[in-house]
Protein backbone atom coordinates (compact mmCIF):
# COMPACT_ATOMS: atom_id res chain seq x y z
CA UNK A 1 -0.31 0.44 -0.35
CA UNK A 2 0.89 3.58 -0.16
CA UNK A 3 0.58 5.12 2.90
CA UNK A 4 1.36 8.80 3.95
CA UNK A 5 2.70 8.74 7.89
CA UNK A 6 1.65 11.92 9.06
CA UNK A 7 3.57 12.97 12.03
CA UNK A 8 7.19 12.35 12.66
CA UNK A 9 8.28 11.98 16.50
CA UNK A 10 8.87 8.86 17.83
CA UNK A 11 6.11 7.32 17.45
CA UNK A 12 5.52 8.04 13.31
CA UNK A 13 9.04 7.28 12.84
CA UNK A 14 8.85 3.60 14.29
CA UNK A 15 5.69 3.92 12.42
CA UNK A 16 7.22 4.52 9.74
CA UNK A 17 10.45 1.53 9.96
CA UNK A 18 7.34 -1.07 10.20
CA UNK A 19 5.62 -0.09 7.33
CA UNK A 20 9.04 0.10 5.49
CA UNK A 21 9.16 -3.31 6.28
CA UNK A 22 6.76 -5.75 5.57
CA UNK A 23 7.55 -4.15 2.00
CA UNK A 24 5.16 -0.54 2.38
CA UNK A 25 5.29 2.45 -0.07
CA UNK A 26 5.34 5.03 2.66
CA UNK A 27 6.17 8.32 3.15
CA UNK A 28 6.54 10.38 6.49
CA UNK A 29 4.72 14.12 6.03
CA UNK A 30 6.16 16.23 8.81
CA UNK A 31 5.93 20.39 9.53
CA UNK A 32 9.15 20.53 11.71
CA UNK A 33 12.30 20.59 10.32
CA UNK A 34 13.35 17.46 11.38
CA UNK A 35 12.67 13.94 13.56
CA UNK A 36 12.15 14.20 17.15
CA UNK A 37 11.94 18.00 17.55
CA UNK A 38 8.76 18.14 19.79
CA UNK A 39 7.90 15.46 22.97
CA UNK A 40 10.15 12.91 21.79
CA UNK A 41 13.43 16.01 21.48
CA UNK A 42 14.54 15.63 25.38
CA UNK A 43 12.98 13.44 27.44
CA UNK A 44 14.14 11.29 30.58
CA UNK A 45 15.22 8.29 27.99
CA UNK A 46 13.67 5.70 30.90
CA UNK A 47 12.15 2.38 29.80
CA UNK A 48 11.35 0.27 32.42
CA UNK A 49 8.99 -2.91 32.08
CA UNK A 50 5.71 -2.45 34.13
CA UNK A 51 6.34 0.70 35.34
CA UNK A 52 5.97 3.51 32.40
CA UNK A 53 6.13 6.91 33.97
CA UNK A 54 2.39 7.11 35.14
CA UNK A 55 2.33 11.27 34.37
CA UNK A 56 -1.87 11.01 34.67
CA UNK A 57 -2.20 8.80 36.32
CA UNK A 58 -0.60 11.01 39.39
CA UNK A 59 -2.14 13.88 38.38
CA UNK A 60 -4.45 14.57 41.29
CA UNK A 61 -1.83 12.60 43.88
CA UNK A 62 -0.86 15.25 46.41
CA UNK A 63 3.37 14.63 45.84
CA UNK A 64 2.31 15.50 42.23
CA UNK A 65 4.62 18.45 41.22
CA UNK A 66 1.32 19.69 38.90
CA UNK A 67 1.11 23.01 38.00
CA UNK A 68 -2.11 24.78 36.48
CA UNK A 69 -1.92 27.41 33.81
CA UNK A 70 -5.30 29.71 33.78
CA UNK A 71 -7.36 30.52 32.66
CA UNK A 72 -8.31 27.15 31.74
CA UNK A 73 -10.11 26.63 28.51
CA UNK A 74 -13.30 23.99 29.04
CA UNK A 75 -12.14 21.63 26.84
CA UNK A 76 -9.20 21.37 29.89
CA UNK A 77 -11.02 22.03 32.15
CA UNK A 78 -12.88 18.78 31.23
CA UNK A 79 -9.87 16.59 29.61
CA UNK A 80 -8.97 17.28 33.38
CA UNK A 81 -12.34 16.18 34.90
CA UNK A 82 -12.16 12.58 32.89
CA UNK A 83 -8.53 12.02 34.25
CA UNK A 84 -9.85 12.83 37.70
CA UNK A 85 -12.58 10.11 36.95
CA UNK A 86 -9.97 7.78 35.47
CA UNK A 87 -7.37 8.28 38.56
CA UNK A 88 -10.08 6.61 40.91
CA UNK A 89 -7.76 3.27 42.27
CA UNK A 90 -10.11 0.48 40.44
CA UNK A 91 -9.50 2.75 37.25
CA UNK A 92 -5.97 2.99 37.21
CA UNK A 93 -4.92 -0.25 38.03
CA UNK A 94 -6.27 -1.05 35.21
CA UNK A 95 -5.17 1.24 33.24
CA UNK A 96 -1.27 0.61 34.30
CA UNK A 97 -1.88 -2.90 33.35
CA UNK A 98 -2.75 -2.17 30.27
CA UNK A 99 0.49 0.20 30.51
CA UNK A 100 2.37 -2.42 31.14
CA UNK A 101 1.31 -4.80 28.88
CA UNK A 102 2.32 -2.21 26.37
CA UNK A 103 5.26 -1.25 27.63
CA UNK A 104 6.97 -4.87 27.91
CA UNK A 105 5.88 -5.91 24.64
CA UNK A 106 7.12 -2.83 23.26
CA UNK A 107 11.06 -2.94 25.13
CA UNK A 108 11.60 -6.76 23.43
CA UNK A 109 10.36 -4.90 20.27
CA UNK A 110 13.04 -2.45 20.71
CA UNK A 111 15.61 -5.18 21.19
CA UNK A 112 14.79 -6.63 18.20
CA UNK A 113 15.61 -3.52 16.36
CA UNK A 114 18.71 -2.96 17.99
CA UNK A 115 20.07 -6.38 17.18
CA UNK A 116 18.69 -6.68 13.74
CA UNK A 117 20.12 -3.04 13.20
CA UNK A 118 22.87 -2.76 15.50
CA UNK A 119 21.82 1.20 16.78
CA UNK A 120 23.65 2.61 19.36
CA UNK A 121 21.68 4.94 21.33
CA UNK A 122 23.56 5.91 25.07
CA UNK A 123 22.03 3.11 26.40
CA UNK A 124 22.46 1.90 29.89
CA UNK A 125 20.85 -0.79 31.86
CA UNK A 126 18.78 -0.26 35.28
CA UNK A 127 16.32 2.23 37.37
CA UNK A 128 16.25 2.76 40.81
CA UNK A 129 12.97 4.60 42.40
CA UNK A 130 14.29 6.55 45.39
CA UNK A 131 11.90 6.58 47.94
CA UNK A 132 12.47 9.81 50.30
CA UNK A 133 10.18 8.77 53.16
CA UNK A 134 8.60 5.23 54.34
CA UNK A 135 4.85 6.97 53.76
CA UNK A 136 6.43 7.08 50.09
CA UNK A 137 7.16 3.31 50.01
CA UNK A 138 3.42 2.67 51.33
CA UNK A 139 2.33 4.61 48.04
CA UNK A 140 4.15 2.47 45.95
CA UNK A 141 2.82 -0.77 46.91
CA UNK A 142 0.08 -1.37 44.67
CA UNK A 143 2.19 -0.90 42.40
CA UNK A 144 4.47 -3.40 43.34
CA UNK A 145 1.26 -5.85 43.10
CA UNK A 146 1.07 -5.24 39.44
CA UNK A 147 4.38 -5.67 38.74
CA UNK A 148 4.62 -9.04 40.56
CA UNK A 149 1.49 -9.65 39.44
CA UNK A 150 2.79 -9.12 35.64
CA UNK A 151 6.51 -10.95 36.77
CA UNK A 152 8.38 -7.96 36.54
CA UNK A 153 11.75 -8.28 38.49
CA UNK A 154 12.37 -5.65 40.97
CA UNK A 155 13.59 -5.78 44.88
CA UNK A 156 12.76 -3.29 47.24
CA UNK A 157 16.03 -2.83 48.91
CA UNK A 158 17.48 0.26 52.14
CA UNK A 159 19.97 2.58 51.47
CA UNK A 160 23.00 0.51 51.62
CA UNK A 161 22.30 -1.07 49.35
CA UNK A 162 21.34 1.17 46.80
CA UNK A 163 23.74 3.23 47.21
CA UNK A 164 25.67 -0.10 45.91
CA UNK A 165 23.54 0.02 43.15
CA UNK A 166 24.50 4.17 42.53
CA UNK A 167 27.97 4.77 44.70
CA UNK A 168 27.99 8.52 43.31
CA UNK A 169 24.38 9.36 45.15
CA UNK A 170 25.21 11.70 47.68
CA UNK A 171 26.15 11.33 51.17
CA UNK A 172 24.38 13.80 52.77
CA UNK A 173 21.00 13.60 51.77
CA UNK A 174 18.98 10.40 53.77
CA UNK A 175 16.70 8.84 52.73
CA UNK A 176 14.06 5.25 53.81
CA UNK A 177 14.96 3.02 51.03
CA UNK A 178 14.20 2.00 46.86
CA UNK A 179 13.19 0.22 44.55
CA UNK A 180 15.22 -1.66 41.72
CA UNK A 181 14.57 -2.65 38.43
CA UNK A 182 17.46 -4.45 37.38
CA UNK A 183 15.91 -5.15 33.62
CA UNK A 184 14.64 -1.51 33.17
CA UNK A 185 17.15 0.65 30.46
CA UNK A 186 18.09 4.27 29.97
CA UNK A 187 18.47 5.21 26.35
CA UNK A 188 18.27 8.44 23.82
CA UNK A 189 14.79 8.98 22.25
CA UNK A 190 15.55 11.39 19.67
CA UNK A 191 19.60 9.91 18.51
CA UNK A 192 17.11 6.55 18.49
CA UNK A 193 14.88 8.37 16.37
CA UNK A 194 17.71 9.90 14.19
CA UNK A 195 18.78 6.17 13.69
CA UNK A 196 16.00 4.25 12.62
CA UNK A 197 14.82 7.26 9.67
CA UNK A 198 18.19 6.33 8.52
CA UNK A 199 17.43 2.69 8.54
CA UNK A 200 14.28 3.67 7.01
CA UNK A 201 15.07 5.62 4.18
CA UNK A 202 17.43 2.81 3.28
CA UNK A 203 14.12 1.09 3.29
CA UNK A 204 12.36 4.07 0.63
CA UNK A 205 10.46 5.70 3.02
CA UNK A 206 10.11 9.37 1.88
CA UNK A 207 10.54 11.91 4.59
CA UNK A 208 9.21 15.03 4.10
CA UNK A 209 9.80 17.64 6.45
CA UNK A 210 8.93 21.50 6.73
CA UNK A 211 5.41 20.30 5.05
CA UNK A 212 1.75 20.84 6.43
CA UNK A 213 -1.36 18.12 6.48
CA UNK A 214 -4.40 20.52 6.31
CA UNK A 215 -6.82 18.44 6.26
CA UNK A 216 -7.71 15.37 5.81
CA UNK A 217 -11.23 13.42 3.16
CA UNK A 218 -11.25 10.19 3.68
CA UNK A 219 -12.93 8.05 0.72
CA UNK A 220 -12.01 5.80 -1.85
CA UNK A 221 -8.80 6.25 0.24
CA UNK A 222 -7.46 8.59 2.02
CA UNK A 223 -6.75 12.54 0.14
CA UNK A 224 -4.40 15.04 1.77
CA UNK A 225 -3.96 19.37 1.73
CA UNK A 226 -1.22 20.53 1.45
CA UNK A 227 -0.61 24.75 3.41
CA UNK A 228 1.10 26.18 0.19
CA UNK A 229 -0.27 23.40 -2.68
CA UNK A 230 -2.52 23.08 -4.72
CA UNK A 231 -3.04 20.29 -5.61
CA UNK A 232 -3.72 17.30 -3.19
CA UNK A 233 -1.62 14.42 -2.39
CA UNK A 234 -3.71 10.26 -2.70
CA UNK A 235 -2.80 7.41 -0.69
CA UNK A 236 -4.21 3.73 -0.12
CA UNK A 237 -4.07 4.75 3.85
CA UNK A 238 -2.49 7.66 6.16
CA UNK A 239 -1.30 7.15 10.26
CA UNK A 240 -2.13 9.54 12.38
CA UNK A 241 1.01 10.11 14.77
CA UNK A 242 0.87 14.01 14.66
CA UNK A 243 0.18 14.69 18.62
CA UNK A 244 -1.50 17.45 19.94
CA UNK A 245 -1.95 18.62 15.54
CA UNK A 246 -4.20 14.94 14.88
CA UNK A 247 -6.92 16.98 17.57
CA UNK A 248 -7.60 19.79 14.46
CA UNK A 249 -7.18 17.29 12.31
CA UNK A 250 -9.61 14.27 13.37
CA UNK A 251 -11.96 17.14 14.56
CA UNK A 252 -13.90 18.57 10.84
CA UNK A 253 -14.01 14.34 10.29
CA UNK A 254 -16.24 13.81 13.29
CA UNK A 255 -12.89 11.77 15.48
CA UNK A 256 -13.49 14.26 18.74
CA UNK A 257 -9.78 12.65 20.33
CA UNK A 258 -9.88 14.53 24.09
CA UNK A 259 -6.29 15.36 23.70
CA UNK A 260 -4.42 17.86 26.05
CA UNK A 261 -1.04 19.31 26.47
CA UNK A 262 0.14 17.86 29.84
CA UNK A 263 4.04 19.53 29.29
CA UNK A 264 7.22 18.30 30.86
CA UNK A 265 10.71 19.72 31.40
CA UNK A 266 14.02 18.22 31.47
CA UNK A 267 17.78 19.69 32.20
CA UNK A 268 20.37 18.88 30.00
CA UNK A 269 24.13 19.19 30.36
CA UNK A 270 27.14 16.80 30.70
CA UNK A 271 28.56 15.50 33.03
CA UNK A 272 31.76 16.95 34.99
CA UNK A 273 33.45 14.23 36.69
CA UNK A 274 31.54 10.75 35.49
CA UNK A 275 32.46 9.50 38.80
CA UNK A 276 30.00 11.55 40.25
CA UNK A 277 26.70 10.65 37.64
CA UNK A 278 23.98 8.22 37.91
CA UNK A 279 25.06 5.22 36.47
CA UNK A 280 21.71 4.44 35.00
CA UNK A 281 19.33 6.36 36.01
CA UNK A 282 17.18 7.02 38.91
CA UNK A 283 13.85 8.15 39.74
CA UNK A 284 12.99 10.55 42.78
CA UNK A 285 9.43 9.47 43.71
CA UNK A 286 8.98 12.24 46.33
CA UNK A 287 8.63 14.61 43.21
CA UNK A 288 8.52 12.62 40.19
CA UNK A 289 11.96 14.24 38.70
CA UNK A 290 14.13 11.86 36.75
CA UNK A 291 18.45 11.95 36.32
CA UNK A 292 19.50 9.49 33.65
CA UNK A 293 23.00 9.31 32.14
CA UNK A 294 23.08 9.42 28.50
CA UNK A 295 26.27 8.95 27.47
CA UNK A 296 28.37 11.54 29.04
CA UNK A 297 26.17 13.70 29.27
CA UNK A 298 23.26 14.24 32.31
CA UNK A 299 19.59 14.88 32.01
CA UNK A 300 16.52 15.83 34.60
CA UNK A 301 13.11 15.43 34.04
CA UNK A 302 10.30 16.07 35.26
CA UNK A 303 7.69 18.27 36.37
CA UNK A 304 4.00 17.91 35.71
CA UNK A 305 1.96 21.00 34.06
CA UNK A 306 -1.26 21.62 32.57
CA UNK A 307 -2.70 24.61 30.20
CA UNK A 308 -0.57 27.66 29.94
CA UNK A 309 1.80 28.49 27.68
CA UNK A 310 4.16 26.23 25.41
CA UNK A 311 6.99 28.80 24.77
CA UNK A 312 6.45 30.04 28.32
CA UNK A 313 9.02 27.97 30.56
CA UNK A 314 7.87 28.27 34.70
CA UNK A 315 11.03 28.53 37.01
CA UNK A 316 9.57 27.05 39.93
CA UNK A 317 9.65 23.90 37.27
CA UNK A 318 13.57 24.52 36.06
CA UNK A 319 14.30 25.00 40.01
CA UNK A 320 12.67 21.76 41.34
CA UNK A 321 14.96 19.95 38.62
CA UNK A 322 17.66 21.88 39.71
CA UNK A 323 16.97 21.43 43.54
CA UNK A 324 17.01 16.94 42.48
CA UNK A 325 19.56 16.91 41.02
CA UNK A 326 21.62 18.80 43.77
CA UNK A 327 19.82 16.31 46.19
CA UNK A 328 20.85 13.48 44.87
CA UNK A 329 24.13 14.16 42.97
CA UNK A 330 25.49 17.25 44.32
CA UNK A 331 28.71 18.64 41.64
CA UNK A 332 27.87 15.78 38.87
CA UNK A 333 26.36 17.94 36.14
CA UNK A 334 28.90 21.37 34.89
CA UNK A 335 26.34 23.91 35.46
CA UNK A 336 28.15 26.71 33.98
CA UNK A 337 28.17 26.07 30.39
CA UNK A 338 26.28 24.43 27.98
CA UNK A 339 22.84 23.62 29.78
CA UNK A 340 19.94 22.53 27.68
CA UNK A 341 16.98 24.15 29.44
CA UNK A 342 13.95 21.39 27.45
CA UNK A 343 9.96 22.62 27.95
CA UNK A 344 8.28 19.98 25.76
CA UNK A 345 3.97 18.89 24.97
CA UNK A 346 3.32 15.12 25.94
CA UNK A 347 0.27 14.46 23.88
CA UNK A 348 -2.50 12.98 26.36
CA UNK A 349 -5.49 11.10 26.98
CA UNK A 350 -7.52 11.75 30.27
CA UNK A 351 -7.21 8.32 30.96
CA UNK A 352 -3.67 7.82 30.12
CA UNK A 353 -3.71 5.15 27.41
CA UNK A 354 -2.52 5.84 24.13
CA UNK A 355 -5.24 4.49 20.65
CA UNK A 356 -3.96 2.10 18.77
CA UNK A 357 -6.04 1.00 14.94
CA UNK A 358 -8.10 2.04 13.29
CA UNK A 359 -10.18 5.15 13.83
CA UNK A 360 -14.37 3.66 11.80
CA UNK A 361 -13.13 5.71 8.52
CA UNK A 362 -11.96 3.94 5.67
CA UNK A 363 -8.13 3.92 5.27
CA UNK A 364 -7.28 6.72 8.27
CA UNK A 365 -5.41 4.50 11.32
CA UNK A 366 -4.75 6.53 14.59
CA UNK A 367 -1.07 5.59 16.85
CA UNK A 368 -1.81 8.92 19.35
CA UNK A 369 -1.59 9.66 23.37
CA UNK A 370 0.96 8.04 23.97
CA UNK A 371 2.00 11.08 25.93
CA UNK A 372 5.07 10.77 28.45
CA UNK A 373 5.58 6.85 27.63
CA UNK A 374 5.87 7.60 24.08
CA UNK A 375 9.58 6.57 24.75
CA UNK A 376 8.60 3.44 26.33
CA UNK A 377 5.47 2.19 23.81
CA UNK A 378 6.88 3.06 20.20
CA UNK A 379 8.32 0.25 19.33
CA UNK A 380 5.44 -1.79 20.68
CA UNK A 381 2.62 0.66 18.89
CA UNK A 382 4.11 0.59 15.99
CA UNK A 383 4.66 -3.07 15.10
CA UNK A 384 1.26 -4.26 16.49
CA UNK A 385 -0.53 -0.91 14.30
CA UNK A 386 1.62 -2.57 11.40
CA UNK A 387 -0.03 -5.77 11.98
CA UNK A 388 -3.36 -4.28 11.53
CA UNK A 389 -2.59 -2.66 8.67
CA UNK A 390 -1.56 -5.84 7.18
CA UNK A 391 -4.80 -7.91 8.41
CA UNK A 392 -2.80 -9.80 10.62
CA UNK A 393 -3.42 -10.91 14.10
CA UNK A 394 -0.92 -8.73 16.73
CA UNK A 395 0.89 -10.25 19.13
CA UNK A 396 -0.55 -8.52 21.28
CA UNK A 397 -4.08 -8.35 23.19
CA UNK A 398 -4.89 -5.26 22.52
CA UNK A 399 -8.13 -4.40 24.58
CA UNK A 400 -8.52 -0.81 26.49
CA UNK A 401 -5.67 0.66 23.21
CA UNK A 402 -8.70 1.35 20.39
CA UNK A 403 -10.64 3.72 20.02
CA UNK A 404 -13.86 2.16 21.03
CA UNK A 405 -13.57 3.15 24.91
CA UNK A 406 -13.95 6.76 23.66
CA UNK A 407 -17.77 5.51 21.94
CA UNK A 408 -18.39 3.15 25.43
């Protein structure tokens, strides 16, 4: 089939590669000038089986560093209300199970792709969740039970053992303990996207940057209209991977996908002294801030902001990142020059689950809403969607991940 993939973030790039690998003629359409320029640009890079970053499930948790930009639109208020309802314990645990299943499959697929293509994207093994107090540990127990049921390897460890795992932790910062996931890993999401883009081009995928889709017409295939172009183009099918921009393209078609921007922040800097930085990655559960080792850099990522402007950075959010870095790895990063401060919009649905599969309109497919979990879910999402489009039974049970759940 002749297929258009709309969006060249990590979701769009992995989707394009999987479709091309299956023999399809694929064109990727991206309004930016390169791949992975938005939510995929500077995220934490953590891939933890069974523990995808649960930003959505804890937006209203009293420990979440949620900041709300005012005024909120009616659509944003409605989104928050739906998110609140989804955050009820039974519902959130069910959703976490769905995410765990997809995250585990996605990690397996990532390893397969990495081995097949011999990709090097600054990866390292292990992930440690730091618990400042006993209460933090108690709050983690329901999630740990989900991991046990899923067969995910983890170990609850005391401060002494934690410091053996991450030897550079600040000796002056007291804490209750930690949870160590030996099978989790860290990798540079954007670097992986750039490498896979090159591999996709080897398979014949065309990438058209600075190209904005303005209208979709599903009829005997898919017709796409573009900004600055008078002639529309026809495809057999299209896959929507355009993040937040998907809403304005899908709404005229009657597809009301409740996507909203949940912003996250990161600070990246070179490591001053390798022995003073993290070995892989740690997460401060209290503040929801991750500290990752990416090659010769350290990246601190976290904070959750809803509403407001994508161009305006919140000083308090950035200050939280610097505080957490100083608490755990003081002096590890060179903060005097070359520091990259980033704010990115993670497109999320209120229930925190992505939408994978057919849209209900002939020829139009959806791979949307991974939000803060895009890196952890991208390879699995792309593979199951390619299987669906090729009329094959996906290897993964897609219960709870189709558009049908929005119609209930």
